[in-house]
Each structure stands twice: as C-alpha cells, then as structure tokens.
Amino acid sequence: MVLRRLLAVLLHSPQLVERLSESRPIRRAAQLTAFALLQAQLRGQDAARRLRGLAPGPAGSLGRRAARFRDTFTQELRRGLRERPGPPPSSQRGPGGNP
C-alpha cells in the first residue's frame, strides 16, 4: 500500500516524468510502440485494399452479395430442416434429457 502511494507521488512529479522521457530505454520503448502501431495500420489498410479488389463492381455490391448469401443460406437451412426425416429437434432428448 505504501509502495503504491510512493509510486503515484513519483509519477505525478513533472521533473521525474521529464527525466524518464529523456532516458534511452523509455525513448526506445516509444519508438518500438510507434513502429508496431504504424505497421499494424499499414497492414490493415493493405488487407482492406485487397478485400476491395476481390469484389468486382462498386463498393456497395459486396454488402449486397453478403446479404444475398445470408438469405440463400437461411433458406437452404430451413428447407433442409423441413425435408429431414425424423421428429423435429425440439422433441429429441439430448444427453441431459429425461428418458
């Protein structure tokens, strides 16, 4: 508890923060952090660019294609459940059901 309070007081000292920011390990950590963030941003932009390149036509067509896929998948799933032989899933007993 005392250590936590001591650290809080030290970290709120502008002079200490200034001296730490000028130290080599802190500067290097900041450089590595900035490098990692920049690389992640560039990779994300590149992935988005490639994804847009996969979808022919205007940008809105990808959303329409996804919606059409969802609707078709839902229809096929419902049709398959209706045509399936046997009782409906709600009447089947699972591993924890009563006999």
N, C-alpha and C. Protein backbone atom coordinates (compact mmCIF):
# COMPACT_ATOMS: atom_id res chain seq x y z
N MET A 1 0.82 -1.18 0.00
CA MET A 1 0.00 0.00 0.00
C MET A 1 0.87 1.26 0.00
N VAL A 2 1.92 1.25 0.81
CA VAL A 2 2.82 2.39 0.88
C VAL A 2 3.58 2.52 -0.43
N LEU A 3 3.99 1.39 -1.01
CA LEU A 3 4.72 1.41 -2.27
C LEU A 3 3.85 2.02 -3.38
N ARG A 4 2.59 1.66 -3.41
CA ARG A 4 1.68 2.18 -4.42
C ARG A 4 1.55 3.70 -4.30
N ARG A 5 1.43 4.17 -3.09
CA ARG A 5 1.30 5.63 -2.86
C ARG A 5 2.59 6.35 -3.26
N LEU A 6 3.72 5.74 -2.93
CA LEU A 6 5.01 6.34 -3.27
C LEU A 6 5.17 6.42 -4.79
N LEU A 7 4.81 5.36 -5.50
CA LEU A 7 4.89 5.38 -6.97
C LEU A 7 3.94 6.42 -7.56
N ALA A 8 2.76 6.54 -7.01
CA ALA A 8 1.81 7.53 -7.51
C ALA A 8 2.37 8.94 -7.35
N VAL A 9 2.98 9.22 -6.21
CA VAL A 9 3.56 10.55 -5.98
C VAL A 9 4.71 10.80 -6.95
N LEU A 10 5.55 9.79 -7.15
CA LEU A 10 6.69 9.96 -8.05
C LEU A 10 6.25 10.17 -9.50
N LEU A 11 5.25 9.44 -9.93
CA LEU A 11 4.80 9.55 -11.31
C LEU A 11 4.05 10.84 -11.59
N HIS A 12 3.60 11.51 -10.56
CA HIS A 12 2.93 12.79 -10.74
C HIS A 12 3.91 13.96 -10.65
N SER A 13 5.16 13.64 -10.54
CA SER A 13 6.19 14.68 -10.47
C SER A 13 6.62 15.02 -11.90
N PRO A 14 6.40 16.26 -12.34
CA PRO A 14 6.76 16.64 -13.71
C PRO A 14 8.26 16.50 -14.00
N GLN A 15 9.09 16.78 -13.02
CA GLN A 15 10.53 16.67 -13.25
C GLN A 15 10.95 15.22 -13.48
N LEU A 16 10.38 14.31 -12.70
CA LEU A 16 10.72 12.90 -12.87
C LEU A 16 10.24 12.38 -14.23
N VAL A 17 9.03 12.77 -14.59
CA VAL A 17 8.48 12.33 -15.89
C VAL A 17 9.35 12.86 -17.02
N GLU A 18 9.80 14.11 -16.92
CA GLU A 18 10.66 14.70 -17.93
C GLU A 18 11.99 13.94 -18.03
N ARG A 19 12.59 13.62 -16.90
CA ARG A 19 13.87 12.89 -16.92
C ARG A 19 13.69 11.48 -17.47
N LEU A 20 12.58 10.84 -17.12
CA LEU A 20 12.33 9.49 -17.65
C LEU A 20 12.12 9.54 -19.17
N SER A 21 11.42 10.56 -19.65
CA SER A 21 11.16 10.63 -21.09
C SER A 21 12.44 10.85 -21.89
N GLU A 22 13.46 11.39 -21.25
CA GLU A 22 14.73 11.60 -21.93
C GLU A 22 15.66 10.39 -21.82
N SER A 23 15.27 9.39 -21.05
CA SER A 23 16.15 8.23 -20.89
C SER A 23 16.08 7.33 -22.12
N ARG A 24 17.16 6.65 -22.40
CA ARG A 24 17.27 5.81 -23.59
C ARG A 24 16.24 4.66 -23.60
N PRO A 25 16.05 3.91 -22.50
CA PRO A 25 15.07 2.81 -22.56
C PRO A 25 13.63 3.28 -22.84
N ILE A 26 13.25 4.40 -22.26
CA ILE A 26 11.90 4.91 -22.48
C ILE A 26 11.74 5.39 -23.92
N ARG A 27 12.75 6.07 -24.45
CA ARG A 27 12.69 6.52 -25.85
C ARG A 27 12.61 5.33 -26.79
N ARG A 28 13.40 4.29 -26.51
CA ARG A 28 13.39 3.09 -27.37
C ARG A 28 12.03 2.39 -27.30
N ALA A 29 11.46 2.31 -26.11
CA ALA A 29 10.13 1.70 -25.98
C ALA A 29 9.10 2.49 -26.76
N ALA A 30 9.19 3.81 -26.74
CA ALA A 30 8.26 4.65 -27.50
C ALA A 30 8.45 4.43 -29.00
N GLN A 31 9.69 4.30 -29.44
CA GLN A 31 9.96 4.07 -30.87
C GLN A 31 9.37 2.72 -31.31
N LEU A 32 9.58 1.69 -30.50
CA LEU A 32 9.05 0.37 -30.85
C LEU A 32 7.52 0.37 -30.87
N THR A 33 6.92 1.07 -29.92
CA THR A 33 5.46 1.15 -29.89
C THR A 33 4.93 1.87 -31.13
N ALA A 34 5.55 2.98 -31.48
CA ALA A 34 5.12 3.72 -32.67
C ALA A 34 5.31 2.88 -33.93
N PHE A 35 6.42 2.15 -34.01
CA PHE A 35 6.68 1.30 -35.17
C PHE A 35 5.61 0.20 -35.28
N ALA A 36 5.29 -0.44 -34.15
CA ALA A 36 4.29 -1.51 -34.17
C ALA A 36 2.91 -0.98 -34.57
N LEU A 37 2.54 0.18 -34.05
CA LEU A 37 1.24 0.75 -34.42
C LEU A 37 1.19 1.13 -35.89
N LEU A 38 2.25 1.69 -36.41
CA LEU A 38 2.28 2.07 -37.81
C LEU A 38 2.22 0.84 -38.72
N GLN A 39 2.95 -0.21 -38.36
CA GLN A 39 2.91 -1.44 -39.15
C GLN A 39 1.52 -2.06 -39.14
N ALA A 40 0.88 -2.08 -37.98
CA ALA A 40 -0.47 -2.64 -37.89
C ALA A 40 -1.45 -1.83 -38.74
N GLN A 41 -1.31 -0.52 -38.72
CA GLN A 41 -2.18 0.33 -39.52
C GLN A 41 -1.96 0.08 -41.01
N LEU A 42 -0.70 -0.01 -41.43
CA LEU A 42 -0.41 -0.25 -42.84
C LEU A 42 -0.90 -1.62 -43.29
N ARG A 43 -0.74 -2.62 -42.45
CA ARG A 43 -1.23 -3.97 -42.82
C ARG A 43 -2.74 -4.00 -42.90
N GLY A 44 -3.41 -3.28 -42.00
CA GLY A 44 -4.87 -3.21 -42.05
C GLY A 44 -5.36 -2.53 -43.32
N GLN A 45 -4.70 -1.44 -43.70
CA GLN A 45 -5.07 -0.76 -44.93
C GLN A 45 -4.83 -1.63 -46.14
N ASP A 46 -3.72 -2.37 -46.13
CA ASP A 46 -3.41 -3.26 -47.25
C ASP A 46 -4.44 -4.38 -47.35
N ALA A 47 -4.83 -4.94 -46.22
CA ALA A 47 -5.84 -6.01 -46.22
C ALA A 47 -7.18 -5.48 -46.73
N ALA A 48 -7.55 -4.28 -46.32
CA ALA A 48 -8.80 -3.69 -46.79
C ALA A 48 -8.75 -3.44 -48.29
N ARG A 49 -7.61 -2.97 -48.77
CA ARG A 49 -7.45 -2.73 -50.20
C ARG A 49 -7.57 -4.04 -50.99
N ARG A 50 -6.93 -5.09 -50.49
CA ARG A 50 -7.04 -6.38 -51.19
C ARG A 50 -8.46 -6.92 -51.15
N LEU A 51 -9.16 -6.72 -50.04
CA LEU A 51 -10.54 -7.19 -49.94
C LEU A 51 -11.44 -6.46 -50.92
N ARG A 52 -11.22 -5.15 -51.04
CA ARG A 52 -12.00 -4.38 -52.02
C ARG A 52 -11.67 -4.83 -53.44
N GLY A 53 -10.44 -5.25 -53.67
CA GLY A 53 -10.05 -5.71 -55.00
C GLY A 53 -10.68 -7.04 -55.37
N LEU A 54 -11.03 -7.85 -54.38
CA LEU A 54 -11.66 -9.14 -54.66
C LEU A 54 -13.10 -8.99 -55.12
N ALA A 55 -13.77 -7.95 -54.68
CA ALA A 55 -15.18 -7.76 -55.00
C ALA A 55 -15.30 -6.93 -56.28
N PRO A 56 -15.74 -7.54 -57.36
CA PRO A 56 -15.91 -6.76 -58.59
C PRO A 56 -17.09 -5.81 -58.47
N GLY A 57 -17.03 -4.71 -59.14
CA GLY A 57 -18.13 -3.75 -59.13
C GLY A 57 -17.95 -2.71 -58.04
N PRO A 58 -18.98 -1.89 -57.82
CA PRO A 58 -18.89 -0.83 -56.82
C PRO A 58 -18.79 -1.39 -55.40
N ALA A 59 -18.37 -0.53 -54.47
CA ALA A 59 -18.14 -0.95 -53.09
C ALA A 59 -19.40 -1.48 -52.43
N GLY A 60 -20.56 -0.96 -52.77
CA GLY A 60 -21.82 -1.41 -52.16
C GLY A 60 -22.22 -2.81 -52.57
N SER A 61 -21.66 -3.31 -53.68
CA SER A 61 -22.06 -4.63 -54.15
C SER A 61 -21.60 -5.73 -53.20
N LEU A 62 -20.51 -5.50 -52.47
CA LEU A 62 -20.05 -6.50 -51.51
C LEU A 62 -21.09 -6.70 -50.42
N GLY A 63 -21.68 -5.63 -49.94
CA GLY A 63 -22.72 -5.73 -48.92
C GLY A 63 -23.95 -6.44 -49.46
N ARG A 64 -24.30 -6.14 -50.70
CA ARG A 64 -25.46 -6.82 -51.30
C ARG A 64 -25.18 -8.30 -51.49
N ARG A 65 -23.96 -8.63 -51.89
CA ARG A 65 -23.61 -10.04 -52.07
C ARG A 65 -23.64 -10.78 -50.75
N ALA A 66 -23.17 -10.14 -49.69
CA ALA A 66 -23.20 -10.77 -48.36
C ALA A 66 -24.63 -10.98 -47.90
N ALA A 67 -25.50 -10.01 -48.13
CA ALA A 67 -26.90 -10.15 -47.75
C ALA A 67 -27.57 -11.26 -48.55
N ARG A 68 -27.26 -11.33 -49.84
CA ARG A 68 -27.84 -12.38 -50.67
C ARG A 68 -27.35 -13.76 -50.22
N PHE A 69 -26.07 -13.86 -49.86
CA PHE A 69 -25.54 -15.13 -49.34
C PHE A 69 -26.26 -15.52 -48.06
N ARG A 70 -26.45 -14.55 -47.15
CA ARG A 70 -27.13 -14.84 -45.88
C ARG A 70 -28.55 -15.34 -46.14
N ASP A 71 -29.27 -14.67 -47.03
CA ASP A 71 -30.65 -15.06 -47.31
C ASP A 71 -30.72 -16.45 -47.92
N THR A 72 -29.85 -16.72 -48.88
CA THR A 72 -29.82 -18.03 -49.52
C THR A 72 -29.46 -19.12 -48.51
N PHE A 73 -28.49 -18.85 -47.68
CA PHE A 73 -28.07 -19.83 -46.67
C PHE A 73 -29.22 -20.13 -45.72
N THR A 74 -29.93 -19.09 -45.29
CA THR A 74 -31.05 -19.28 -44.36
C THR A 74 -32.16 -20.10 -45.02
N GLN A 75 -32.47 -19.81 -46.28
CA GLN A 75 -33.50 -20.56 -46.99
C GLN A 75 -33.12 -22.02 -47.13
N GLU A 76 -31.87 -22.28 -47.51
CA GLU A 76 -31.43 -23.66 -47.68
C GLU A 76 -31.43 -24.42 -46.35
N LEU A 77 -31.04 -23.74 -45.28
CA LEU A 77 -31.05 -24.39 -43.97
C LEU A 77 -32.46 -24.75 -43.56
N ARG A 78 -33.39 -23.84 -43.74
CA ARG A 78 -34.78 -24.13 -43.38
C ARG A 78 -35.35 -25.25 -44.24
N ARG A 79 -35.04 -25.24 -45.54
CA ARG A 79 -35.51 -26.30 -46.42
C ARG A 79 -34.94 -27.65 -46.00
N GLY A 80 -33.66 -27.67 -45.66
CA GLY A 80 -33.04 -28.92 -45.21
C GLY A 80 -33.65 -29.43 -43.92
N LEU A 81 -33.98 -28.54 -43.00
CA LEU A 81 -34.61 -28.97 -41.75
C LEU A 81 -36.02 -29.51 -41.97
N ARG A 82 -36.76 -28.90 -42.92
CA ARG A 82 -38.11 -29.37 -43.21
C ARG A 82 -38.08 -30.74 -43.88
N GLU A 83 -37.11 -30.98 -44.76
CA GLU A 83 -37.06 -32.23 -45.52
C GLU A 83 -36.37 -33.35 -44.77
N ARG A 84 -35.83 -33.06 -43.62
CA ARG A 84 -35.11 -34.05 -42.83
C ARG A 84 -36.08 -35.07 -42.25
N PRO A 85 -35.78 -36.39 -42.39
CA PRO A 85 -36.66 -37.40 -41.80
C PRO A 85 -36.50 -37.43 -40.28
N GLY A 86 -37.54 -37.84 -39.59
CA GLY A 86 -37.46 -37.97 -38.15
C GLY A 86 -38.23 -36.86 -37.45
N PRO A 87 -38.29 -36.95 -36.13
CA PRO A 87 -39.03 -35.94 -35.37
C PRO A 87 -38.29 -34.60 -35.37
N PRO A 88 -39.01 -33.53 -35.11
CA PRO A 88 -38.35 -32.22 -35.06
C PRO A 88 -37.36 -32.15 -33.91
N PRO A 89 -36.37 -31.27 -33.99
CA PRO A 89 -35.31 -31.21 -32.98
C PRO A 89 -35.81 -30.92 -31.58
N SER A 90 -36.93 -30.24 -31.41
CA SER A 90 -37.40 -29.88 -30.08
C SER A 90 -37.88 -31.09 -29.30
N SER A 91 -38.32 -32.16 -29.98
CA SER A 91 -38.83 -33.34 -29.27
C SER A 91 -37.72 -34.35 -28.99
N GLN A 92 -36.54 -34.17 -29.54
CA GLN A 92 -35.44 -35.10 -29.27
C GLN A 92 -34.85 -34.80 -27.92
N ARG A 93 -34.37 -35.84 -27.26
CA ARG A 93 -33.76 -35.66 -25.96
C ARG A 93 -32.26 -35.69 -26.12
N GLY A 94 -31.60 -34.75 -25.47
CA GLY A 94 -30.15 -34.69 -25.51
C GLY A 94 -29.53 -35.53 -24.42
N PRO A 95 -28.22 -35.40 -24.20
CA PRO A 95 -27.54 -36.20 -23.19
C PRO A 95 -28.06 -35.96 -21.78
N GLY A 96 -28.59 -34.76 -21.51
CA GLY A 96 -29.06 -34.48 -20.18
C GLY A 96 -30.56 -34.58 -20.04
N GLY A 97 -31.25 -35.04 -21.09
CA GLY A 97 -32.71 -35.09 -21.06
C GLY A 97 -33.23 -36.26 -20.26
N ASN A 98 -34.49 -36.14 -19.84
CA ASN A 98 -35.13 -37.23 -19.08
C ASN A 98 -35.61 -38.30 -20.04
N PRO A 99 -35.48 -39.57 -19.71
CA PRO A 99 -35.93 -40.65 -20.60
C PRO A 99 -37.42 -40.77 -20.65
